[in-house]
Amino acid sequence: MVTYNQTMRIIAKSRLKKYWETPGNEHLKSYLSEWYHFCEKQIWRTPQEVKDTLRNASIIASNRVIFNIKGNDYRIICAMDYPRLAMFIKFVGTHKEYDRVNASEVEND
């Protein structure tokens, strides 16, 4: 059961780290870390609560949310488990890479 002081759990930060450690992506560490630390402080129990906090987030099918990073140059797709206050990172990539995936089905390797 969820307690009142529990905040979002993001699974897994290692996916963000792997992305920013990829040659050429080192400059993204601060952007991805900022997103991570912001989200882990939130309490989102519904898609509307995400939208109320981040107006540029897109709510899509399969309990997924698309987050825009660095002025929409990059995207993060998360599967949301609202009752458990959990977010599962399914995709991290450029906007161009995002355009080539099915956001409601993509699974991160």
PDB file of N, CA and C in Angstrom:
ATOM      1  N   MET A   1       0.837  -1.184   0.000  1.00  0.00           N
ATOM      2  CA  MET A   1       0.000   0.000   0.000  1.00  0.00           C
ATOM      3  C   MET A   1       0.880   1.245   0.000  1.00  0.00           C
ATOM      4  N   VAL A   2       0.445   2.264  -0.674  1.00  0.00           N
ATOM      5  CA  VAL A   2       1.187   3.519  -0.796  1.00  0.00           C
ATOM      6  C   VAL A   2       1.019   4.339   0.480  1.00  0.00           C
ATOM      7  N   THR A   3       2.126   4.864   0.986  1.00  0.00           N
ATOM      8  CA  THR A   3       2.061   5.761   2.131  1.00  0.00           C
ATOM      9  C   THR A   3       2.049   7.195   1.620  1.00  0.00           C
ATOM     10  N   TYR A   4       1.634   8.111   2.458  1.00  0.00           N
ATOM     11  CA  TYR A   4       1.482   9.496   2.025  1.00  0.00           C
ATOM     12  C   TYR A   4       2.791  10.200   1.719  1.00  0.00           C
ATOM     13  N   ASN A   5       3.892   9.753   2.319  1.00  0.00           N
ATOM     14  CA  ASN A   5       5.158  10.442   2.079  1.00  0.00           C
ATOM     15  C   ASN A   5       6.004   9.776   0.998  1.00  0.00           C
ATOM     16  N   GLN A   6       5.477   8.766   0.349  1.00  0.00           N
ATOM     17  CA  GLN A   6       6.208   8.082  -0.711  1.00  0.00           C
ATOM     18  C   GLN A   6       6.157   8.919  -1.988  1.00  0.00           C
ATOM     19  N   THR A   7       7.260   8.939  -2.705  1.00  0.00           N
ATOM     20  CA  THR A   7       7.320   9.654  -3.978  1.00  0.00           C
ATOM     21  C   THR A   7       7.636   8.661  -5.093  1.00  0.00           C
ATOM     22  N   MET A   8       7.695   9.154  -6.314  1.00  0.00           N
ATOM     23  CA  MET A   8       7.885   8.294  -7.478  1.00  0.00           C
ATOM     24  C   MET A   8       9.218   7.545  -7.422  1.00  0.00           C
ATOM     25  N   ARG A   9       9.152   6.282  -7.806  1.00  0.00           N
ATOM     26  CA  ARG A   9      10.359   5.474  -7.998  1.00  0.00           C
ATOM     27  C   ARG A   9      10.568   5.356  -9.500  1.00  0.00           C
ATOM     28  N   ILE A  10      11.785   5.593  -9.935  1.00  0.00           N
ATOM     29  CA  ILE A  10      12.102   5.547 -11.360  1.00  0.00           C
ATOM     30  C   ILE A  10      13.025   4.368 -11.605  1.00  0.00           C
ATOM     31  N   ILE A  11      12.590   3.486 -12.471  1.00  0.00           N
ATOM     32  CA  ILE A  11      13.333   2.265 -12.753  1.00  0.00           C
ATOM     33  C   ILE A  11      13.712   2.294 -14.229  1.00  0.00           C
ATOM     34  N   ALA A  12      14.893   2.379 -14.575  1.00  0.00           N
ATOM     35  CA  ALA A  12      16.093   2.382 -13.757  1.00  0.00           C
ATOM     36  C   ALA A  12      16.985   3.538 -14.200  1.00  0.00           C
ATOM     37  N   LYS A  13      17.595   4.188 -13.237  1.00  0.00           N
ATOM     38  CA  LYS A  13      18.497   5.303 -13.532  1.00  0.00           C
ATOM     39  C   LYS A  13      19.658   4.844 -14.405  1.00  0.00           C
ATOM     40  N   SER A  14      20.008   3.574 -14.307  1.00  0.00           N
ATOM     41  CA  SER A  14      21.122   3.045 -15.107  1.00  0.00           C
ATOM     42  C   SER A  14      20.871   3.222 -16.605  1.00  0.00           C
ATOM     43  N   ARG A  15      19.620   3.238 -17.027  1.00  0.00           N
ATOM     44  CA  ARG A  15      19.310   3.454 -18.451  1.00  0.00           C
ATOM     45  C   ARG A  15      19.659   4.871 -18.876  1.00  0.00           C
ATOM     46  N   LEU A  16      19.401   5.821 -17.995  1.00  0.00           N
ATOM     47  CA  LEU A  16      19.790   7.206 -18.291  1.00  0.00           C
ATOM     48  C   LEU A  16      21.303   7.325 -18.338  1.00  0.00           C
ATOM     49  N   LYS A  17      21.962   6.718 -17.357  1.00  0.00           N
ATOM     50  CA  LYS A  17      23.426   6.776 -17.276  1.00  0.00           C
ATOM     51  C   LYS A  17      24.059   6.152 -18.520  1.00  0.00           C
ATOM     52  N   LYS A  18      23.532   5.015 -18.939  1.00  0.00           N
ATOM     53  CA  LYS A  18      24.046   4.351 -20.144  1.00  0.00           C
ATOM     54  C   LYS A  18      23.926   5.281 -21.350  1.00  0.00           C
ATOM     55  N   TYR A  19      22.823   6.016 -21.432  1.00  0.00           N
ATOM     56  CA  TYR A  19      22.613   6.917 -22.561  1.00  0.00           C
ATOM     57  C   TYR A  19      23.595   8.079 -22.521  1.00  0.00           C
ATOM     58  N   TRP A  20      23.777   8.720 -21.359  1.00  0.00           N
ATOM     59  CA  TRP A  20      24.673   9.877 -21.316  1.00  0.00           C
ATOM     60  C   TRP A  20      26.135   9.474 -21.372  1.00  0.00           C
ATOM     61  N   GLU A  21      26.444   8.199 -21.106  1.00  0.00           N
ATOM     62  CA  GLU A  21      27.825   7.731 -21.224  1.00  0.00           C
ATOM     63  C   GLU A  21      28.173   7.290 -22.641  1.00  0.00           C
ATOM     64  N   THR A  22      27.187   7.239 -23.520  1.00  0.00           N
ATOM     65  CA  THR A  22      27.435   6.916 -24.916  1.00  0.00           C
ATOM     66  C   THR A  22      28.223   8.065 -25.540  1.00  0.00           C
ATOM     67  N   PRO A  23      29.314   7.751 -26.256  1.00  0.00           N
ATOM     68  CA  PRO A  23      30.102   8.822 -26.877  1.00  0.00           C
ATOM     69  C   PRO A  23      29.215   9.769 -27.693  1.00  0.00           C
ATOM     70  N   GLY A  24      29.393  11.045 -27.446  1.00  0.00           N
ATOM     71  CA  GLY A  24      28.600  12.069 -28.108  1.00  0.00           C
ATOM     72  C   GLY A  24      27.419  12.560 -27.285  1.00  0.00           C
ATOM     73  N   ASN A  25      27.062  11.812 -26.241  1.00  0.00           N
ATOM     74  CA  ASN A  25      25.906  12.189 -25.415  1.00  0.00           C
ATOM     75  C   ASN A  25      26.288  12.724 -24.043  1.00  0.00           C
ATOM     76  N   GLU A  26      27.574  12.911 -23.801  1.00  0.00           N
ATOM     77  CA  GLU A  26      28.030  13.312 -22.471  1.00  0.00           C
ATOM     78  C   GLU A  26      27.373  14.606 -22.001  1.00  0.00           C
ATOM     79  N   HIS A  27      27.071  15.494 -22.932  1.00  0.00           N
ATOM     80  CA  HIS A  27      26.459  16.782 -22.586  1.00  0.00           C
ATOM     81  C   HIS A  27      25.053  16.640 -22.013  1.00  0.00           C
ATOM     82  N   LEU A  28      24.459  15.458 -22.124  1.00  0.00           N
ATOM     83  CA  LEU A  28      23.089  15.248 -21.652  1.00  0.00           C
ATOM     84  C   LEU A  28      22.996  14.875 -20.182  1.00  0.00           C
ATOM     85  N   LYS A  29      24.128  14.603 -19.545  1.00  0.00           N
ATOM     86  CA  LYS A  29      24.094  14.157 -18.148  1.00  0.00           C
ATOM     87  C   LYS A  29      23.304  15.121 -17.268  1.00  0.00           C
ATOM     88  N   SER A  30      23.550  16.403 -17.382  1.00  0.00           N
ATOM     89  CA  SER A  30      22.858  17.369 -16.518  1.00  0.00           C
ATOM     90  C   SER A  30      21.355  17.409 -16.817  1.00  0.00           C
ATOM     91  N   TYR A  31      20.972  17.332 -18.082  1.00  0.00           N
ATOM     92  CA  TYR A  31      19.553  17.358 -18.442  1.00  0.00           C
ATOM     93  C   TYR A  31      18.825  16.119 -17.933  1.00  0.00           C
ATOM     94  N   LEU A  32      19.428  14.950 -18.133  1.00  0.00           N
ATOM     95  CA  LEU A  32      18.793  13.705 -17.709  1.00  0.00           C
ATOM     96  C   LEU A  32      18.775  13.582 -16.191  1.00  0.00           C
ATOM     97  N   SER A  33      19.833  14.022 -15.540  1.00  0.00           N
ATOM     98  CA  SER A  33      19.871  13.998 -14.072  1.00  0.00           C
ATOM     99  C   SER A  33      18.823  14.942 -13.488  1.00  0.00           C
ATOM    100  N   GLU A  34      18.694  16.113 -14.090  1.00  0.00           N
ATOM    101  CA  GLU A  34      17.689  17.078 -13.621  1.00  0.00           C
ATOM    102  C   GLU A  34      16.287  16.492 -13.751  1.00  0.00           C
ATOM    103  N   TRP A  35      15.990  15.849 -14.879  1.00  0.00           N
ATOM    104  CA  TRP A  35      14.686  15.211 -15.075  1.00  0.00           C
ATOM    105  C   TRP A  35      14.467  14.133 -14.019  1.00  0.00           C
ATOM    106  N   TYR A  36      15.466  13.292 -13.812  1.00  0.00           N
ATOM    107  CA  TYR A  36      15.362  12.201 -12.843  1.00  0.00           C
ATOM    108  C   TYR A  36      15.062  12.743 -11.443  1.00  0.00           C
ATOM    109  N   HIS A  37      15.841  13.712 -11.000  1.00  0.00           N
ATOM    110  CA  HIS A  37      15.673  14.246  -9.644  1.00  0.00           C
ATOM    111  C   HIS A  37      14.345  14.991  -9.484  1.00  0.00           C
ATOM    112  N   PHE A  38      13.880  15.633 -10.532  1.00  0.00           N
ATOM    113  CA  PHE A  38      12.573  16.279 -10.482  1.00  0.00           C
ATOM    114  C   PHE A  38      11.472  15.231 -10.328  1.00  0.00           C
ATOM    115  N   CYS A  39      11.502  14.207 -11.176  1.00  0.00           N
ATOM    116  CA  CYS A  39      10.444  13.191 -11.163  1.00  0.00           C
ATOM    117  C   CYS A  39      10.426  12.392  -9.867  1.00  0.00           C
ATOM    118  N   GLU A  40      11.593  12.105  -9.307  1.00  0.00           N
ATOM    119  CA  GLU A  40      11.617  11.279  -8.101  1.00  0.00           C
ATOM    120  C   GLU A  40      11.037  12.011  -6.887  1.00  0.00           C
ATOM    121  N   LYS A  41      10.834  13.303  -6.992  1.00  0.00           N
ATOM    122  CA  LYS A  41      10.234  14.078  -5.896  1.00  0.00           C
ATOM    123  C   LYS A  41       8.716  14.199  -6.032  1.00  0.00           C
ATOM    124  N   GLN A  42       8.170  13.726  -7.145  1.00  0.00           N
ATOM    125  CA  GLN A  42       6.746  13.890  -7.421  1.00  0.00           C
ATOM    126  C   GLN A  42       5.916  12.766  -6.809  1.00  0.00           C
ATOM    127  N   ILE A  43       4.630  13.042  -6.688  1.00  0.00           N
ATOM    128  CA  ILE A  43       3.639  12.032  -6.307  1.00  0.00           C
ATOM    129  C   ILE A  43       2.556  12.098  -7.379  1.00  0.00           C
ATOM    130  N   TRP A  44       2.670  11.211  -8.359  1.00  0.00           N
ATOM    131  CA  TRP A  44       1.715  11.177  -9.466  1.00  0.00           C
ATOM    132  C   TRP A  44       0.865   9.919  -9.348  1.00  0.00           C
ATOM    133  N   ARG A  45      -0.408  10.109  -9.068  1.00  0.00           N
ATOM    134  CA  ARG A  45      -1.324   8.975  -8.937  1.00  0.00           C
ATOM    135  C   ARG A  45      -2.238   8.820 -10.148  1.00  0.00           C
ATOM    136  N   THR A  46      -2.201   9.814 -11.043  1.00  0.00           N
ATOM    137  CA  THR A  46      -3.039   9.772 -12.248  1.00  0.00           C
ATOM    138  C   THR A  46      -2.298  10.467 -13.393  1.00  0.00           C
ATOM    139  N   PRO A  47      -2.668  10.151 -14.627  1.00  0.00           N
ATOM    140  CA  PRO A  47      -2.078  10.869 -15.760  1.00  0.00           C
ATOM    141  C   PRO A  47      -2.323  12.380 -15.672  1.00  0.00           C
ATOM    142  N   GLN A  48      -3.488  12.772 -15.182  1.00  0.00           N
ATOM    143  CA  GLN A  48      -3.786  14.204 -15.084  1.00  0.00           C
ATOM    144  C   GLN A  48      -2.824  14.910 -14.134  1.00  0.00           C
ATOM    145  N   GLU A  49      -2.397  14.240 -13.074  1.00  0.00           N
ATOM    146  CA  GLU A  49      -1.433  14.846 -12.152  1.00  0.00           C
ATOM    147  C   GLU A  49      -0.085  15.077 -12.838  1.00  0.00           C
ATOM    148  N   VAL A  50       0.285  14.179 -13.755  1.00  0.00           N
ATOM    149  CA  VAL A  50       1.514  14.392 -14.531  1.00  0.00           C
ATOM    150  C   VAL A  50       1.341  15.645 -15.389  1.00  0.00           C
ATOM    151  N   LYS A  51       0.220  15.739 -16.103  1.00  0.00           N
ATOM    152  CA  LYS A  51      -0.045  16.895 -16.975  1.00  0.00           C
ATOM    153  C   LYS A  51      -0.130  18.199 -16.187  1.00  0.00           C
ATOM    154  N   ASP A  52      -0.697  18.128 -14.995  1.00  0.00           N
ATOM    155  CA  ASP A  52      -0.800  19.332 -14.170  1.00  0.00           C
ATOM    156  C   ASP A  52       0.581  19.839 -13.763  1.00  0.00           C
ATOM    157  N   THR A  53       1.530  18.922 -13.617  1.00  0.00           N
ATOM    158  CA  THR A  53       2.889  19.279 -13.208  1.00  0.00           C
ATOM    159  C   THR A  53       3.752  19.645 -14.413  1.00  0.00           C
ATOM    160  N   LEU A  54       3.651  18.851 -15.470  1.00  0.00           N
ATOM    161  CA  LEU A  54       4.472  19.034 -16.675  1.00  0.00           C
ATOM    162  C   LEU A  54       3.547  19.145 -17.884  1.00  0.00           C
ATOM    163  N   ARG A  55       3.210  20.343 -18.241  1.00  0.00           N
ATOM    164  CA  ARG A  55       2.242  20.558 -19.314  1.00  0.00           C
ATOM    165  C   ARG A  55       2.704  20.007 -20.655  1.00  0.00           C
ATOM    166  N   ASN A  56       4.020  19.914 -20.873  1.00  0.00           N
ATOM    167  CA  ASN A  56       4.508  19.427 -22.168  1.00  0.00           C
ATOM    168  C   ASN A  56       4.664  17.911 -22.208  1.00  0.00           C
ATOM    169  N   ALA A  57       4.335  17.219 -21.127  1.00  0.00           N
ATOM    170  CA  ALA A  57       4.345  15.750 -21.154  1.00  0.00           C
ATOM    171  C   ALA A  57       3.142  15.278 -21.970  1.00  0.00           C
ATOM    172  N   SER A  58       3.331  14.178 -22.696  1.00  0.00           N
ATOM    173  CA  SER A  58       2.241  13.613 -23.500  1.00  0.00           C
ATOM    174  C   SER A  58       1.797  12.298 -22.890  1.00  0.00           C
ATOM    175  N   ILE A  59       0.519  12.184 -22.625  1.00  0.00           N
ATOM    176  CA  ILE A  59      -0.060  10.961 -22.084  1.00  0.00           C
ATOM    177  C   ILE A  59      -0.546  10.139 -23.272  1.00  0.00           C
ATOM    178  N   ILE A  60      -0.093   8.887 -23.356  1.00  0.00           N
ATOM    179  CA  ILE A  60      -0.494   8.038 -24.485  1.00  0.00           C
ATOM    180  C   ILE A  60      -1.035   6.710 -23.959  1.00  0.00           C
ATOM    181  N   ALA A  61      -1.352   5.800 -24.873  1.00  0.00           N
ATOM    182  CA  ALA A  61      -1.900   4.491 -24.518  1.00  0.00           C
ATOM    183  C   ALA A  61      -0.930   3.682 -23.667  1.00  0.00           C
ATOM    184  N   SER A  62      -1.447   2.634 -23.066  1.00  0.00           N
ATOM    185  CA  SER A  62      -0.656   1.675 -22.285  1.00  0.00           C
ATOM    186  C   SER A  62      -0.021   2.306 -21.048  1.00  0.00           C
ATOM    187  N   ASN A  63      -0.684   3.311 -20.469  1.00  0.00           N
ATOM    188  CA  ASN A  63      -0.156   3.998 -19.280  1.00  0.00           C
ATOM    189  C   ASN A  63       1.250   4.521 -19.501  1.00  0.00           C
ATOM    190  N   ARG A  64       1.486   5.067 -20.659  1.00  0.00           N
ATOM    191  CA  ARG A  64       2.805   5.612 -20.983  1.00  0.00           C
ATOM    192  C   ARG A  64       2.755   7.131 -21.009  1.00  0.00           C
ATOM    193  N   VAL A  65       3.905   7.706 -20.669  1.00  0.00           N
ATOM    194  CA  VAL A  65       4.067   9.158 -20.713  1.00  0.00           C
ATOM    195  C   VAL A  65       5.338   9.466 -21.487  1.00  0.00           C
ATOM    196  N   ILE A  66       5.253  10.454 -22.360  1.00  0.00           N
ATOM    197  CA  ILE A  66       6.412  10.920 -23.116  1.00  0.00           C
ATOM    198  C   ILE A  66       6.847  12.250 -22.510  1.00  0.00           C
ATOM    199  N   PHE A  67       8.104  12.293 -22.095  1.00  0.00           N
ATOM    200  CA  PHE A  67       8.676  13.497 -21.502  1.00  0.00           C
ATOM    201  C   PHE A  67       9.629  14.132 -22.508  1.00  0.00           C
ATOM    202  N   ASN A  68       9.522  15.433 -22.662  1.00  0.00           N
ATOM    203  CA  ASN A  68      10.414  16.185 -23.543  1.00  0.00           C
ATOM    204  C   ASN A  68      11.609  16.670 -22.737  1.00  0.00           C
ATOM    205  N   ILE A  69      12.796  16.461 -23.277  1.00  0.00           N
ATOM    206  CA  ILE A  69      14.039  16.824 -22.606  1.00  0.00           C
ATOM    207  C   ILE A  69      14.813  17.796 -23.495  1.00  0.00           C
ATOM    208  N   LYS A  70      15.436  18.761 -22.872  1.00  0.00           N
ATOM    209  CA  LYS A  70      16.284  19.737 -23.577  1.00  0.00           C
ATOM    210  C   LYS A  70      15.519  20.387 -24.740  1.00  0.00           C
ATOM    211  N   GLY A  71      14.412  21.010 -24.387  1.00  0.00           N
ATOM    212  CA  GLY A  71      13.641  21.736 -25.396  1.00  0.00           C
ATOM    213  C   GLY A  71      13.071  20.861 -26.483  1.00  0.00           C
ATOM    214  N   ASN A  72      12.720  19.629 -26.140  1.00  0.00           N
ATOM    215  CA  ASN A  72      12.124  18.672 -27.077  1.00  0.00           C
ATOM    216  C   ASN A  72      13.137  18.081 -28.060  1.00  0.00           C
ATOM    217  N   ASP A  73      14.434  18.278 -27.807  1.00  0.00           N
ATOM    218  CA  ASP A  73      15.457  17.645 -28.645  1.00  0.00           C
ATOM    219  C   ASP A  73      15.558  16.152 -28.344  1.00  0.00           C
ATOM    220  N   TYR A  74      15.194  15.772 -27.120  1.00  0.00           N
ATOM    221  CA  TYR A  74      15.288  14.382 -26.668  1.00  0.00           C
ATOM    222  C   TYR A  74      13.968  13.994 -26.029  1.00  0.00           C
ATOM    223  N   ARG A  75      13.731  12.693 -25.982  1.00  0.00           N
ATOM    224  CA  ARG A  75      12.493  12.170 -25.401  1.00  0.00           C
ATOM    225  C   ARG A  75      12.803  11.013 -24.462  1.00  0.00           C
ATOM    226  N   ILE A  76      12.000  10.926 -23.422  1.00  0.00           N
ATOM    227  CA  ILE A  76      12.008   9.769 -22.527  1.00  0.00           C
ATOM    228  C   ILE A  76      10.583   9.241 -22.509  1.00  0.00           C
ATOM    229  N   ILE A  77      10.442   7.936 -22.713  1.00  0.00           N
ATOM    230  CA  ILE A  77       9.133   7.293 -22.612  1.00  0.00           C
ATOM    231  C   ILE A  77       9.154   6.428 -21.359  1.00  0.00           C
ATOM    232  N   CYS A  78       8.145   6.609 -20.517  1.00  0.00           N
ATOM    233  CA  CYS A  78       8.027   5.803 -19.302  1.00  0.00           C
ATOM    234  C   CYS A  78       6.682   5.096 -19.274  1.00  0.00           C
ATOM    235  N   ALA A  79       6.708   3.857 -18.807  1.00  0.00           N
ATOM    236  CA  ALA A  79       5.479   3.150 -18.466  1.00  0.00           C
ATOM    237  C   ALA A  79       5.194   3.495 -17.008  1.00  0.00           C
ATOM    238  N   MET A  80       3.975   3.878 -16.733  1.00  0.00           N
ATOM    239  CA  MET A  80       3.616   4.344 -15.401  1.00  0.00           C
ATOM    240  C   MET A  80       2.787   3.299 -14.667  1.00  0.00           C
ATOM    241  N   ASP A  81       3.141   3.071 -13.415  1.00  0.00           N
ATOM    242  CA  ASP A  81       2.337   2.247 -12.512  1.00  0.00           C
ATOM    243  C   ASP A  81       1.886   3.188 -11.402  1.00  0.00           C
ATOM    244  N   TYR A  82       0.787   3.869 -11.644  1.00  0.00           N
ATOM    245  CA  TYR A  82       0.329   4.910 -10.726  1.00  0.00           C
ATOM    246  C   TYR A  82       0.032   4.394  -9.318  1.00  0.00           C
ATOM    247  N   PRO A  83      -0.642   3.240  -9.154  1.00  0.00           N
ATOM    248  CA  PRO A  83      -0.915   2.773  -7.786  1.00  0.00           C
ATOM    249  C   PRO A  83       0.358   2.531  -6.960  1.00  0.00           C
ATOM    250  N   ARG A  84       1.425   2.130  -7.632  1.00  0.00           N
ATOM    251  CA  ARG A  84       2.685   1.853  -6.925  1.00  0.00           C
ATOM    252  C   ARG A  84       3.663   3.028  -6.980  1.00  0.00           C
ATOM    253  N   LEU A  85       3.239   4.132  -7.574  1.00  0.00           N
ATOM    254  CA  LEU A  85       4.101   5.308  -7.735  1.00  0.00           C
ATOM    255  C   LEU A  85       5.430   4.925  -8.372  1.00  0.00           C
ATOM    256  N   ALA A  86       5.346   4.190  -9.477  1.00  0.00           N
ATOM    257  CA  ALA A  86       6.552   3.716 -10.161  1.00  0.00           C
ATOM    258  C   ALA A  86       6.531   4.135 -11.626  1.00  0.00           C
ATOM    259  N   MET A  87       7.725   4.440 -12.124  1.00  0.00           N
ATOM    260  CA  MET A  87       7.932   4.806 -13.522  1.00  0.00           C
ATOM    261  C   MET A  87       9.013   3.891 -14.077  1.00  0.00           C
ATOM    262  N   PHE A  88       8.748   3.276 -15.214  1.00  0.00           N
ATOM    263  CA  PHE A  88       9.708   2.377 -15.843  1.00  0.00           C
ATOM    264  C   PHE A  88      10.189   3.012 -17.145  1.00  0.00           C
ATOM    265  N   ILE A  89      11.464   3.338 -17.209  1.00  0.00           N
ATOM    266  CA  ILE A  89      12.017   3.966 -18.407  1.00  0.00           C
ATOM    267  C   ILE A  89      12.053   2.930 -19.531  1.00  0.00           C
ATOM    268  N   LYS A  90      11.371   3.229 -20.619  1.00  0.00           N
ATOM    269  CA  LYS A  90      11.291   2.318 -21.762  1.00  0.00           C
ATOM    270  C   LYS A  90      12.103   2.797 -22.957  1.00  0.00           C
ATOM    271  N   PHE A  91      12.363   4.103 -23.008  1.00  0.00           N
ATOM    272  CA  PHE A  91      13.078   4.654 -24.157  1.00  0.00           C
ATOM    273  C   PHE A  91      13.724   5.967 -23.751  1.00  0.00           C
ATOM    274  N   VAL A  92      14.956   6.154 -24.203  1.00  0.00           N
ATOM    275  CA  VAL A  92      15.660   7.432 -24.096  1.00  0.00           C
ATOM    276  C   VAL A  92      16.300   7.656 -25.459  1.00  0.00           C
ATOM    277  N   GLY A  93      16.041   8.793 -26.071  1.00  0.00           N
ATOM    278  CA  GLY A  93      16.645   9.036 -27.376  1.00  0.00           C
ATOM    279  C   GLY A  93      16.330  10.410 -27.918  1.00  0.00           C
ATOM    280  N   THR A  94      16.877  10.666 -29.093  1.00  0.00           N
ATOM    281  CA  THR A  94      16.625  11.937 -29.765  1.00  0.00           C
ATOM    282  C   THR A  94      15.193  11.961 -30.284  1.00  0.00           C
ATOM    283  N   HIS A  95      14.743  13.132 -30.640  1.00  0.00           N
ATOM    284  CA  HIS A  95      13.411  13.251 -31.230  1.00  0.00           C
ATOM    285  C   HIS A  95      13.345  12.428 -32.521  1.00  0.00           C
ATOM    286  N   LYS A  96      14.409  12.447 -33.301  1.00  0.00           N
ATOM    287  CA  LYS A  96      14.453  11.679 -34.550  1.00  0.00           C
ATOM    288  C   LYS A  96      14.354  10.174 -34.266  1.00  0.00           C
ATOM    289  N   GLU A  97      15.077   9.686 -33.246  1.00  0.00           N
ATOM    290  CA  GLU A  97      14.996   8.267 -32.872  1.00  0.00           C
ATOM    291  C   GLU A  97      13.594   7.931 -32.367  1.00  0.00           C
ATOM    292  N   TYR A  98      13.015   8.836 -31.619  1.00  0.00           N
ATOM    293  CA  TYR A  98      11.658   8.654 -31.105  1.00  0.00           C
ATOM    294  C   TYR A  98      10.662   8.474 -32.250  1.00  0.00           C
ATOM    295  N   ASP A  99      10.839   9.220 -33.327  1.00  0.00           N
ATOM    296  CA  ASP A  99       9.931   9.130 -34.468  1.00  0.00           C
ATOM    297  C   ASP A  99       9.925   7.746 -35.112  1.00  0.00           C
ATOM    298  N   ARG A 100      10.938   6.929 -34.828  1.00  0.00           N
ATOM    299  CA  ARG A 100      11.040   5.591 -35.436  1.00  0.00           C
ATOM    300  C   ARG A 100      10.529   4.472 -34.526  1.00  0.00           C
ATOM    301  N   VAL A 101      10.009   4.799 -33.336  1.00  0.00           N
ATOM    302  CA  VAL A 101       9.529   3.755 -32.425  1.00  0.00           C
ATOM    303  C   VAL A 101       8.027   3.882 -32.221  1.00  0.00           C
ATOM    304  N   ASN A 102       7.423   2.799 -31.783  1.00  0.00           N
ATOM    305  CA  ASN A 102       6.025   2.816 -31.371  1.00  0.00           C
ATOM    306  C   ASN A 102       6.028   3.105 -29.874  1.00  0.00           C
ATOM    307  N   ALA A 103       5.688   4.318 -29.509  1.00  0.00           N
ATOM    308  CA  ALA A 103       5.821   4.769 -28.122  1.00  0.00           C
ATOM    309  C   ALA A 103       4.991   3.958 -27.137  1.00  0.00           C
ATOM    310  N   SER A 104       3.892   3.381 -27.578  1.00  0.00           N
ATOM    311  CA  SER A 104       3.052   2.615 -26.656  1.00  0.00           C
ATOM    312  C   SER A 104       3.525   1.176 -26.487  1.00  0.00           C
ATOM    313  N   GLU A 105       4.523   0.763 -27.268  1.00  0.00           N
ATOM    314  CA  GLU A 105       5.004  -0.618 -27.176  1.00  0.00           C
ATOM    315  C   GLU A 105       6.503  -0.756 -26.960  1.00  0.00           C
ATOM    316  N   VAL A 106       7.281   0.295 -27.167  1.00  0.00           N
ATOM    317  CA  VAL A 106       8.737   0.189 -27.111  1.00  0.00           C
ATOM    318  C   VAL A 106       9.199  -0.335 -25.749  1.00  0.00           C
ATOM    319  N   GLU A 107      10.204  -1.194 -25.789  1.00  0.00           N
ATOM    320  CA  GLU A 107      10.840  -1.735 -24.586  1.00  0.00           C
ATOM    321  C   GLU A 107      12.323  -1.461 -24.695  1.00  0.00           C
ATOM    322  N   ASN A 108      12.906  -0.908 -23.647  1.00  0.00           N
ATOM    323  CA  ASN A 108      14.343  -0.623 -23.641  1.00  0.00           C
ATOM    324  C   ASN A 108      15.109  -1.917 -23.438  1.00  0.00           C
ATOM    325  N   ASP A 109      16.203  -2.079 -24.192  1.00  0.00           N
ATOM    326  CA  ASP A 109      17.016  -3.300 -24.073  1.00  0.00           C
ATOM    327  C   ASP A 109      17.768  -3.340 -22.768  1.00  0.00           C
TER     328      ASP A 109
END
